[in-house]
Amino acid sequence: MKILQNSDIPIYKQISSQLREQILNGIINEGDYLPSIRGLARDLKISVITTMKAYEELVDEGLVSAVHGKGYIVN
């Protein structure tokens, strides 16, 4: 995943857009878990809140669901 720090597009939108594309193109399949929020934030060197906002956007779109204690799973 590539994040452009100097982009006009907010970082959380960049993350959700790339994950959405991977889900819709079958790279991430139904039943797969997304990377943990903390792990992705650490890997991308961004805040956990930013990552959470991206995941919540995907939840709002119905692409993923939060599973208590396990993370986010693709619908």
Protein backbone atom coordinates (compact mmCIF):
# COMPACT_ATOMS: atom_id res chain seq x y z
CA MET A 1 0.00 0.00 0.00
CA LYS A 2 1.34 3.40 -0.97
CA ILE A 3 0.49 6.56 0.92
CA LEU A 4 1.33 9.98 -0.47
CA GLN A 5 1.88 12.34 2.46
CA ASN A 6 1.78 15.47 0.26
CA SER A 7 -1.40 14.52 -1.61
CA ASP A 8 -4.57 16.62 -1.56
CA ILE A 9 -6.42 13.37 -0.80
CA PRO A 10 -6.61 12.67 2.95
CA ILE A 11 -4.56 9.67 4.08
CA TYR A 12 -7.61 7.77 5.36
CA LYS A 13 -9.24 8.16 1.93
CA GLN A 14 -6.09 6.85 0.25
CA ILE A 15 -6.17 3.77 2.49
CA SER A 16 -9.89 3.08 2.08
CA SER A 17 -9.65 3.59 -1.69
CA GLN A 18 -6.80 1.11 -2.05
CA LEU A 19 -8.49 -1.48 0.18
CA ARG A 20 -11.81 -1.00 -1.67
CA GLU A 21 -10.05 -1.58 -4.99
CA GLN A 22 -8.36 -4.75 -3.67
CA ILE A 23 -11.69 -6.08 -2.36
CA LEU A 24 -13.62 -5.32 -5.56
CA ASN A 25 -10.86 -6.83 -7.73
CA GLY A 26 -10.75 -10.04 -5.68
CA ILE A 27 -7.26 -9.48 -4.31
CA ILE A 28 -8.78 -9.51 -0.83
CA ASN A 29 -11.56 -12.09 -0.76
CA GLU A 30 -14.80 -12.49 1.17
CA GLY A 31 -14.01 -13.90 4.59
CA ASP A 32 -10.46 -12.50 4.64
CA TYR A 33 -9.43 -10.29 7.52
CA LEU A 34 -7.93 -6.88 6.85
CA PRO A 35 -4.58 -6.11 8.50
CA SER A 36 -4.96 -5.03 12.12
CA ILE A 37 -5.53 -1.33 12.63
CA ARG A 38 -2.46 -0.98 14.83
CA GLY A 39 -0.29 -3.09 12.54
CA LEU A 40 -1.25 -1.13 9.43
CA ALA A 41 -0.76 2.17 11.24
CA ARG A 42 2.70 1.05 12.37
CA ASP A 43 3.67 -0.20 8.88
CA LEU A 44 2.53 3.02 7.20
CA LYS A 45 3.87 5.22 10.02
CA ILE A 46 0.51 6.92 10.50
CA SER A 47 -1.88 7.31 13.41
CA VAL A 48 -4.18 4.53 14.57
CA ILE A 49 -7.07 7.02 14.38
CA THR A 50 -6.40 7.61 10.67
CA THR A 51 -6.40 3.88 9.97
CA MET A 52 -9.57 3.39 12.01
CA LYS A 53 -11.30 6.16 10.03
CA ALA A 54 -10.42 4.37 6.77
CA TYR A 55 -11.79 1.05 8.08
CA GLU A 56 -14.97 2.72 9.36
CA GLU A 57 -15.54 4.16 5.89
CA LEU A 58 -15.41 0.61 4.45
CA VAL A 59 -17.84 -0.56 7.17
CA ASP A 60 -20.24 2.26 6.25
CA GLU A 61 -20.10 1.11 2.62
CA GLY A 62 -20.89 -2.46 3.66
CA LEU A 63 -17.64 -3.90 2.29
CA VAL A 64 -16.30 -5.04 5.65
CA SER A 65 -17.63 -5.80 9.12
CA ALA A 66 -16.02 -5.40 12.51
CA VAL A 67 -15.68 -8.66 14.44
CA HIS A 68 -15.28 -7.98 18.14
CA GLY A 69 -11.85 -9.09 19.33
CA LYS A 70 -10.75 -10.25 15.86
CA GLY A 71 -10.63 -7.25 13.56
CA TYR A 72 -12.31 -6.42 10.26
CA ILE A 73 -13.53 -9.08 7.85
CA VAL A 74 -14.51 -8.69 4.21
CA ASN A 75 -18.25 -9.24 3.60
